[in-house]
Amino acid sequence: MKKIIRLLGLIVILILCSCDNQPNHSKDEKLQNPKQTFTAKPSISNETISIYDINNSVIGTIERYEALVLIGDSIIYTKIPTVSDASISEMDYYRYNFKTKENIKLGTVKNWSYEAKYDTTIIGNSLYMLVTTGEIADIANRTLHLYKVDLINNTMSVVFSEKGGFPYNSMTAVDNRLLMVRVIKGGSELEEYNTETKKRRILQKFDFDDKKNVGEAIRQITSDDNTISLLRLKIESGGKSRLFADVYNHDMKFLRSADVSTVSSNSSDGSQNELSQGVSSFVVSNDYLYYANFSITRFLGKIEDGSLRSVKTVNPEFEMSSEAVKSNRSGLFYQSFSQTNDLYLLNYKDGTFKKTTFYADDKRYFIINISRYNDKLLLTMRYKDPNTGEELVPKLYYINLSDLKFL
């Protein structure tokens, strides 16, 4: 049984950081939460939450634990089968179908510890996710698994497992291939898993000296219709850190590289420290770049002539919608935990940047998370009075992107 320290009911990403901020986080690991807006409850429990349409009509209800993944006409979600005071021994996975109102059980992960939902990826009719079992902060007693959810037969299975695997690895889809960044002893690797042939191979390796705290490490990976982008951290002797976006074609032929270290230039926590943080979100499409780390840095900009310029000044609550299938047309952003409920749409083709707002029937609700699948959106909304602590019943909104009137 594992002690899990979490904020219940919030859609959050657990951060893994080492005391010395080394890229592979191989020593002195600890867990911490990035948002402290809601107070943790004394027990771990599921949450019953209703789903609304654009007209504020209830169209469904689910009982869930933690984050949701939208896949068009369905939601993939988790539920604790047995609730205790402060531990989770296993996790059930479900699929909710909007049309049939069915809650379909996909499977159970025993000894569940963590899932990197921010990188859940769909290829064809399969959804892939990285799940850790065992003691997440103990390399010797944890195992990282690549799970596959068959969206036709509604089943889930393990593709492969890695003893001691890093829980916060990242991945992206390129045609029928899954490209995964794996943190290993002495550096990191870029591995390819071919979903048709079932074969795995190492494409690149980056070396990092833990003792000297120098070398290179891949922080994140992303892709669009034509390119693959690696976010590469380089730490030189003396501790100077720099970030690069290395761009390849789909055959991994190197095209260009840009120094994107300016992502942390406005950070109040020291730019060098922020550059070495783990990265939760990294998107590059038509040279537009969004970056979010597990600390406080967010950045939206464009790569031009080998460098990075900002297209909008943003703060730590400026987030991008999660996407199991990346949109190559536009990026949807939102101001989380804000009473203004601002949303932004960036057109990757022509660079137009539009804004709108979205409110629940009670305008006190604010957006804390958005999951996107093409033109379908799932918004999680909550409210807590900052003075009295009063909380409203949380809501999910399932709407079309076209329902939002961007100007």
Protein backbone atom coordinates (compact mmCIF):
# COMPACT_ATOMS: atom_id res chain seq x y z
CA MET A 1 0.00 0.00 0.00
CA LYS A 2 1.30 3.42 -0.85
CA LYS A 3 0.80 6.75 0.84
CA ILE A 4 -0.49 9.11 -1.86
CA ILE A 5 -0.45 12.81 -1.07
CA ARG A 6 -2.80 14.55 -3.46
CA LEU A 7 -5.34 17.31 -3.78
CA LEU A 8 -8.59 15.41 -4.20
CA GLY A 9 -10.99 16.44 -6.88
CA LEU A 10 -8.49 18.61 -8.70
CA ILE A 11 -7.05 17.77 -12.06
CA VAL A 12 -3.41 18.14 -11.28
CA ILE A 13 -0.09 16.74 -12.35
CA LEU A 14 2.23 15.46 -9.67
CA ILE A 15 5.72 16.83 -9.94
CA LEU A 16 8.87 14.86 -9.45
CA CYS A 17 11.86 16.97 -8.49
CA SER A 18 15.23 16.16 -7.06
CA CYS A 19 16.97 18.27 -4.48
CA ASP A 20 19.71 19.21 -6.90
CA ASN A 21 17.44 19.47 -9.98
CA GLN A 22 19.39 16.90 -11.98
CA PRO A 23 17.71 16.06 -15.27
CA ASN A 24 17.19 12.36 -14.60
CA HIS A 25 15.95 12.93 -11.05
CA SER A 26 17.66 9.72 -10.02
CA LYS A 27 18.31 10.69 -6.40
CA ASP A 28 16.48 12.25 -3.45
CA GLU A 29 13.12 12.12 -5.19
CA LYS A 30 10.08 13.75 -3.65
CA LEU A 31 6.53 14.54 -4.71
CA GLN A 32 4.87 17.90 -4.57
CA ASN A 33 1.73 19.54 -5.99
CA PRO A 34 1.78 22.64 -8.18
CA LYS A 35 -1.61 24.09 -7.20
CA GLN A 36 -2.81 24.64 -3.66
CA THR A 37 -6.16 26.24 -4.43
CA PHE A 38 -8.21 23.56 -2.68
CA THR A 39 -7.49 21.95 0.67
CA ALA A 40 -6.80 18.22 0.67
CA LYS A 41 -9.44 16.11 2.40
CA PRO A 42 -8.54 13.53 5.07
CA SER A 43 -9.43 10.55 2.86
CA ILE A 44 -9.05 9.52 -0.74
CA SER A 45 -12.36 9.16 -2.53
CA ASN A 46 -14.08 9.20 -5.90
CA GLU A 47 -16.13 12.17 -7.01
CA THR A 48 -19.57 12.06 -8.62
CA ILE A 49 -19.76 14.79 -11.23
CA SER A 50 -22.47 15.74 -13.73
CA ILE A 51 -21.85 16.56 -17.38
CA TYR A 52 -23.61 19.53 -18.99
CA ASP A 53 -24.10 20.72 -22.56
CA ILE A 54 -23.81 24.28 -23.86
CA ASN A 55 -27.39 24.96 -22.72
CA ASN A 56 -26.63 23.93 -19.09
CA SER A 57 -28.69 20.73 -19.43
CA VAL A 58 -27.39 17.60 -17.69
CA ILE A 59 -26.41 14.98 -20.29
CA GLY A 60 -24.63 12.47 -18.08
CA THR A 61 -22.97 11.62 -14.77
CA ILE A 62 -19.79 9.77 -13.88
CA GLU A 63 -18.04 8.75 -10.67
CA ARG A 64 -14.36 9.38 -11.13
CA TYR A 65 -10.96 9.94 -9.51
CA GLU A 66 -8.51 12.48 -10.94
CA ALA A 67 -8.08 13.58 -14.56
CA LEU A 68 -10.19 12.88 -17.64
CA VAL A 69 -9.22 12.20 -21.26
CA LEU A 70 -11.68 13.18 -23.99
CA ILE A 71 -11.67 10.96 -27.09
CA GLY A 72 -14.51 12.37 -29.19
CA ASP A 73 -17.78 10.72 -28.19
CA SER A 74 -16.30 9.26 -25.00
CA ILE A 75 -14.37 10.03 -21.82
CA ILE A 76 -11.64 7.77 -20.49
CA TYR A 77 -11.52 8.10 -16.71
CA THR A 78 -10.33 6.35 -13.55
CA LYS A 79 -12.19 5.22 -10.45
CA ILE A 80 -10.94 3.80 -7.16
CA PRO A 81 -12.69 0.44 -6.61
CA THR A 82 -11.90 0.30 -2.87
CA VAL A 83 -11.60 3.52 -0.89
CA SER A 84 -9.54 3.80 2.31
CA ASP A 85 -8.22 6.66 4.41
CA ALA A 86 -4.97 7.45 2.62
CA SER A 87 -3.97 4.76 0.17
CA ILE A 88 -4.76 3.29 -3.23
CA SER A 89 -4.20 -0.40 -3.89
CA GLU A 90 -5.67 -0.56 -7.40
CA MET A 91 -7.35 1.61 -10.03
CA ASP A 92 -10.24 0.85 -12.38
CA TYR A 93 -10.35 2.36 -15.85
CA TYR A 94 -13.67 3.23 -17.49
CA ARG A 95 -15.06 4.65 -20.71
CA TYR A 96 -18.19 6.80 -20.68
CA ASN A 97 -20.10 6.97 -23.96
CA PHE A 98 -22.10 10.19 -24.46
CA LYS A 99 -24.53 8.63 -26.95
CA THR A 100 -25.44 5.46 -25.05
CA LYS A 101 -24.83 6.87 -21.52
CA GLU A 102 -22.89 3.67 -20.77
CA ASN A 103 -20.01 3.44 -18.30
CA ILE A 104 -17.87 0.63 -19.68
CA LYS A 105 -15.17 -0.91 -17.51
CA LEU A 106 -11.92 -1.31 -19.46
CA GLY A 107 -9.77 -2.99 -16.83
CA THR A 108 -7.99 -2.70 -13.48
CA VAL A 109 -4.39 -1.77 -12.66
CA LYS A 110 -3.23 -3.34 -9.41
CA ASN A 111 -0.73 -1.59 -7.15
CA TRP A 112 -1.44 1.62 -9.11
CA SER A 113 0.65 4.66 -8.27
CA TYR A 114 0.53 7.27 -11.05
CA GLU A 115 -0.50 7.93 -14.64
CA ALA A 116 1.10 10.58 -16.87
CA LYS A 117 -2.20 11.73 -18.36
CA TYR A 118 -0.63 14.81 -19.89
CA ASP A 119 0.95 12.56 -22.56
CA THR A 120 -1.87 10.10 -23.24
CA THR A 121 -1.78 9.46 -27.00
CA ILE A 122 -4.10 7.94 -29.61
CA ILE A 123 -2.90 6.06 -32.70
CA GLY A 124 -5.66 4.64 -34.88
CA ASN A 125 -8.18 2.86 -32.67
CA SER A 126 -5.83 2.52 -29.70
CA LEU A 127 -5.05 4.81 -26.79
CA TYR A 128 -1.61 4.58 -25.17
CA MET A 129 -0.78 5.71 -21.63
CA LEU A 130 2.17 5.52 -19.23
CA VAL A 131 1.21 4.05 -15.86
CA THR A 132 3.47 3.52 -12.84
CA THR A 133 2.88 0.84 -10.21
CA GLY A 134 4.63 0.34 -6.88
CA GLU A 135 6.36 3.00 -4.79
CA ILE A 136 6.64 5.96 -7.13
CA ALA A 137 9.53 7.63 -5.28
CA ASP A 138 11.54 4.39 -4.97
CA ILE A 139 13.37 3.30 -8.13
CA ALA A 140 13.91 -0.24 -6.83
CA ASN A 141 10.23 -0.73 -6.07
CA ARG A 142 8.40 0.86 -8.95
CA THR A 143 7.57 -0.29 -12.49
CA LEU A 144 6.63 1.80 -15.50
CA HIS A 145 4.14 0.27 -17.95
CA LEU A 146 2.99 1.26 -21.40
CA TYR A 147 -0.71 0.40 -21.51
CA LYS A 148 -2.84 0.09 -24.62
CA VAL A 149 -6.60 0.65 -24.57
CA ASP A 150 -8.39 -1.04 -27.48
CA LEU A 151 -11.13 1.47 -28.34
CA ILE A 152 -12.98 -1.04 -30.53
CA ASN A 153 -13.24 -3.88 -28.03
CA ASN A 154 -13.03 -1.73 -24.86
CA THR A 155 -10.17 -3.67 -23.32
CA MET A 156 -6.78 -2.68 -21.97
CA SER A 157 -3.46 -4.53 -21.83
CA VAL A 158 0.23 -3.98 -21.06
CA VAL A 159 2.46 -3.45 -24.11
CA PHE A 160 5.70 -3.61 -22.10
CA SER A 161 7.00 -2.88 -18.60
CA GLU A 162 10.21 -1.38 -17.28
CA LYS A 163 11.40 -2.03 -13.73
CA GLY A 164 12.50 1.24 -12.13
CA GLY A 165 11.22 3.24 -15.11
CA PHE A 166 10.88 7.01 -14.78
CA PRO A 167 7.17 7.88 -14.13
CA TYR A 168 7.32 11.18 -16.04
CA ASN A 169 8.57 9.98 -19.42
CA SER A 170 6.95 11.64 -22.44
CA MET A 171 5.73 10.43 -25.82
CA THR A 172 4.14 11.51 -29.08
CA ALA A 173 2.50 9.84 -32.10
CA VAL A 174 4.11 9.90 -35.54
CA ASP A 175 2.05 7.98 -38.11
CA ASN A 176 1.81 4.42 -36.69
CA ARG A 177 4.80 4.90 -34.38
CA LEU A 178 4.97 5.91 -30.76
CA LEU A 179 8.10 7.93 -29.97
CA MET A 180 9.02 7.88 -26.29
CA VAL A 181 11.61 9.82 -24.32
CA ARG A 182 12.98 7.54 -21.61
CA VAL A 183 15.07 8.81 -18.70
CA ILE A 184 17.75 6.23 -17.92
CA LYS A 185 20.86 6.03 -15.77
CA GLY A 186 23.45 8.35 -17.27
CA GLY A 187 21.10 10.22 -19.58
CA SER A 188 18.03 9.75 -21.73
CA GLU A 189 16.98 7.85 -24.85
CA LEU A 190 14.55 8.38 -27.67
CA GLU A 191 12.82 5.07 -28.36
CA GLU A 192 10.43 4.12 -31.13
CA TYR A 193 7.61 1.60 -30.74
CA ASN A 194 6.00 0.54 -34.01
CA THR A 195 2.35 -0.20 -33.24
CA GLU A 196 1.99 -2.38 -36.36
CA THR A 197 5.13 -4.51 -36.20
CA LYS A 198 5.31 -4.35 -32.36
CA LYS A 199 9.06 -3.72 -32.63
CA ARG A 200 11.07 -1.31 -30.48
CA ARG A 201 14.32 0.44 -31.31
CA ILE A 202 16.50 3.23 -29.90
CA LEU A 203 16.75 6.23 -32.22
CA GLN A 204 19.00 8.53 -30.19
CA LYS A 205 20.79 8.67 -26.86
CA PHE A 206 21.85 11.68 -24.79
CA ASP A 207 24.48 11.49 -22.05
CA PHE A 208 24.32 13.21 -18.68
CA ASP A 209 26.85 12.97 -15.86
CA ASP A 210 24.90 12.94 -12.59
CA LYS A 211 27.92 13.50 -10.37
CA LYS A 212 29.29 16.45 -12.32
CA ASN A 213 25.80 17.73 -13.22
CA VAL A 214 26.77 18.32 -16.85
CA GLY A 215 25.51 16.97 -20.15
CA GLU A 216 22.33 16.82 -22.20
CA ALA A 217 18.86 15.45 -21.51
CA ILE A 218 15.62 15.38 -23.47
CA ARG A 219 12.89 17.09 -21.52
CA GLN A 220 9.91 16.55 -23.84
CA ILE A 221 8.88 15.53 -27.34
CA THR A 222 6.12 16.67 -29.70
CA SER A 223 5.15 16.31 -33.35
CA ASP A 224 2.95 17.78 -36.06
CA ASP A 225 2.06 16.77 -39.64
CA ASN A 226 5.62 17.15 -40.89
CA THR A 227 8.07 17.41 -38.01
CA ILE A 228 9.25 15.99 -34.70
CA SER A 229 10.59 18.39 -32.06
CA LEU A 230 12.78 17.43 -29.12
CA LEU A 231 13.19 19.81 -26.19
CA ARG A 232 16.83 19.36 -25.22
CA LEU A 233 18.34 20.61 -21.95
CA LYS A 234 22.08 21.27 -21.93
CA ILE A 235 23.91 21.97 -18.65
CA GLU A 236 27.50 23.11 -18.96
CA SER A 237 30.24 23.05 -16.34
CA GLY A 238 29.53 25.80 -13.85
CA GLY A 239 25.80 25.03 -13.91
CA LYS A 240 24.74 27.18 -16.87
CA SER A 241 21.57 25.75 -18.40
CA ARG A 242 20.19 26.20 -21.91
CA LEU A 243 17.15 24.80 -23.71
CA PHE A 244 17.01 23.94 -27.40
CA ALA A 245 14.19 22.90 -29.71
CA ASP A 246 15.70 20.37 -32.15
CA VAL A 247 13.49 19.81 -35.18
CA TYR A 248 13.53 16.65 -37.36
CA ASN A 249 11.38 15.32 -40.17
CA HIS A 250 9.32 12.17 -39.62
CA ASP A 251 12.27 10.04 -40.69
CA MET A 252 14.38 11.64 -37.94
CA LYS A 253 16.50 13.61 -40.37
CA PHE A 254 17.77 16.69 -38.54
CA LEU A 255 16.39 19.96 -39.94
CA ARG A 256 17.29 22.77 -37.53
CA SER A 257 17.75 23.79 -33.91
CA ALA A 258 16.73 26.90 -32.00
CA ASP A 259 17.84 28.21 -28.61
CA VAL A 260 14.59 28.59 -26.63
CA SER A 261 16.15 29.41 -23.26
CA THR A 262 14.15 32.65 -23.16
CA VAL A 263 11.07 30.67 -22.09
CA SER A 264 12.12 31.36 -18.50
CA SER A 265 13.28 34.97 -18.93
CA ASN A 266 10.30 36.37 -17.01
CA SER A 267 10.37 33.78 -14.25
CA SER A 268 10.42 35.04 -10.68
CA ASP A 269 12.03 31.81 -9.50
CA GLY A 270 15.37 32.24 -11.27
CA SER A 271 15.70 31.43 -14.97
CA GLN A 272 18.49 28.84 -14.53
CA ASN A 273 16.48 26.84 -12.01
CA GLU A 274 13.35 27.00 -14.18
CA LEU A 275 15.19 25.77 -17.27
CA SER A 276 16.17 22.55 -15.51
CA GLN A 277 12.63 21.70 -14.36
CA GLY A 278 10.64 18.82 -15.79
CA VAL A 279 8.26 19.79 -18.61
CA SER A 280 4.57 18.88 -18.59
CA SER A 281 3.53 20.45 -21.89
CA PHE A 282 5.52 21.12 -25.05
CA VAL A 283 3.89 21.77 -28.41
CA VAL A 284 5.50 22.97 -31.65
CA SER A 285 3.38 23.46 -34.76
CA ASN A 286 4.35 25.58 -37.75
CA ASP A 287 7.08 27.10 -35.51
CA TYR A 288 4.58 28.23 -32.84
CA LEU A 289 5.70 26.93 -29.47
CA TYR A 290 3.96 26.42 -26.13
CA TYR A 291 5.97 25.44 -23.05
CA ALA A 292 4.83 24.62 -19.51
CA ASN A 293 7.03 23.09 -16.84
CA PHE A 294 6.22 21.37 -13.55
CA SER A 295 7.04 24.60 -11.74
CA ILE A 296 5.71 28.08 -12.59
CA THR A 297 6.96 28.86 -16.11
CA ARG A 298 4.58 29.13 -19.07
CA PHE A 299 5.50 30.52 -22.49
CA LEU A 300 3.77 31.03 -25.83
CA GLY A 301 5.91 32.16 -28.74
CA LYS A 302 7.22 31.55 -32.23
CA ILE A 303 10.59 30.30 -33.45
CA GLU A 304 12.13 32.69 -35.97
CA ASP A 305 15.67 32.67 -37.38
CA GLY A 306 16.94 30.25 -34.76
CA SER A 307 15.56 32.13 -31.75
CA LEU A 308 12.29 32.48 -29.88
CA ARG A 309 10.01 35.49 -29.61
CA SER A 310 6.96 35.84 -27.40
CA VAL A 311 3.53 36.24 -28.99
CA LYS A 312 1.72 36.81 -25.69
CA THR A 313 2.76 37.63 -22.15
CA VAL A 314 1.45 34.82 -19.95
CA ASN A 315 1.43 33.84 -16.26
CA PRO A 316 1.69 30.50 -14.37
CA GLU A 317 -2.07 29.90 -14.76
CA PHE A 318 -1.99 30.16 -18.56
CA GLU A 319 -2.59 26.59 -19.75
CA MET A 320 -3.09 24.69 -22.99
CA SER A 321 -5.86 22.14 -23.46
CA SER A 322 -4.69 18.54 -23.26
CA GLU A 323 -5.01 16.60 -26.53
CA ALA A 324 -4.83 12.85 -27.03
CA VAL A 325 -4.75 13.67 -30.74
CA LYS A 326 -2.80 16.84 -31.47
CA SER A 327 -4.55 19.50 -33.51
CA ASN A 328 -2.43 20.77 -36.38
CA ARG A 329 -4.82 23.63 -37.10
CA SER A 330 -4.98 25.53 -33.83
CA GLY A 331 -3.99 25.66 -30.19
CA LEU A 332 -6.60 26.23 -27.49
CA PHE A 333 -5.44 28.02 -24.33
CA TYR A 334 -7.20 29.16 -21.18
CA GLN A 335 -6.64 31.12 -18.01
CA SER A 336 -7.13 28.55 -15.25
CA PHE A 337 -8.44 29.44 -11.77
CA SER A 338 -9.56 32.84 -13.05
CA GLN A 339 -12.94 34.51 -12.60
CA THR A 340 -12.63 35.98 -16.10
CA ASN A 341 -12.71 32.50 -17.69
CA ASP A 342 -10.70 33.69 -20.69
CA LEU A 343 -10.01 31.32 -23.59
CA TYR A 344 -7.71 31.89 -26.56
CA LEU A 345 -7.44 30.25 -29.97
CA LEU A 346 -4.18 30.46 -31.92
CA ASN A 347 -4.35 29.61 -35.61
CA TYR A 348 -1.11 27.78 -36.44
CA LYS A 349 -1.41 28.59 -40.16
CA ASP A 350 -1.79 32.37 -40.18
CA GLY A 351 -0.97 33.29 -36.57
CA THR A 352 -4.32 34.90 -35.79
CA PHE A 353 -4.99 34.99 -32.06
CA LYS A 354 -8.61 35.21 -30.90
CA LYS A 355 -10.21 35.48 -27.47
CA THR A 356 -13.52 34.60 -25.84
CA THR A 357 -14.97 33.68 -22.43
CA PHE A 358 -17.07 30.78 -21.18
CA TYR A 359 -19.29 30.77 -18.09
CA ALA A 360 -21.42 28.16 -16.36
CA ASP A 361 -25.00 29.05 -15.39
CA ASP A 362 -23.50 30.34 -12.14
CA LYS A 363 -20.78 32.81 -13.14
CA ARG A 364 -18.77 32.10 -10.00
CA TYR A 365 -17.47 28.89 -11.58
CA PHE A 366 -14.00 29.05 -13.13
CA ILE A 367 -12.17 26.74 -15.55
CA ILE A 368 -9.45 24.53 -14.12
CA ASN A 369 -8.91 22.08 -16.99
CA ILE A 370 -9.79 21.51 -20.64
CA SER A 371 -9.45 18.27 -22.58
CA ARG A 372 -9.77 18.58 -26.38
CA TYR A 373 -10.40 16.10 -29.17
CA ASN A 374 -10.48 17.86 -32.55
CA ASP A 375 -13.51 20.20 -32.25
CA LYS A 376 -14.93 18.62 -29.08
CA LEU A 377 -14.11 20.06 -25.65
CA LEU A 378 -14.52 18.85 -22.06
CA LEU A 379 -14.22 21.64 -19.48
CA THR A 380 -13.86 21.01 -15.76
CA MET A 381 -15.23 23.89 -13.68
CA ARG A 382 -15.17 24.58 -9.93
CA TYR A 383 -15.57 27.33 -7.38
CA LYS A 384 -14.31 27.91 -3.86
CA ASP A 385 -14.92 31.13 -1.95
CA PRO A 386 -11.49 32.51 -0.94
CA ASN A 387 -12.87 33.92 2.31
CA THR A 388 -15.43 31.41 3.58
CA GLY A 389 -14.12 28.24 1.92
CA GLU A 390 -17.56 27.53 0.44
CA GLU A 391 -17.31 25.17 -2.55
CA LEU A 392 -19.88 24.73 -5.32
CA VAL A 393 -20.59 21.31 -6.79
CA PRO A 394 -18.06 20.76 -9.62
CA LYS A 395 -19.29 20.53 -13.20
CA LEU A 396 -18.13 19.14 -16.54
CA TYR A 397 -19.14 20.83 -19.79
CA TYR A 398 -19.10 18.86 -23.06
CA ILE A 399 -19.29 21.40 -25.88
CA ASN A 400 -18.17 22.07 -29.43
CA LEU A 401 -15.35 24.46 -30.22
CA SER A 402 -17.80 26.22 -32.54
CA ASP A 403 -20.02 26.97 -29.52
CA LEU A 404 -17.37 29.44 -28.38
CA LYS A 405 -17.55 32.78 -30.17
CA PHE A 406 -13.91 33.81 -30.57
CA LEU A 407 -13.25 37.43 -31.57
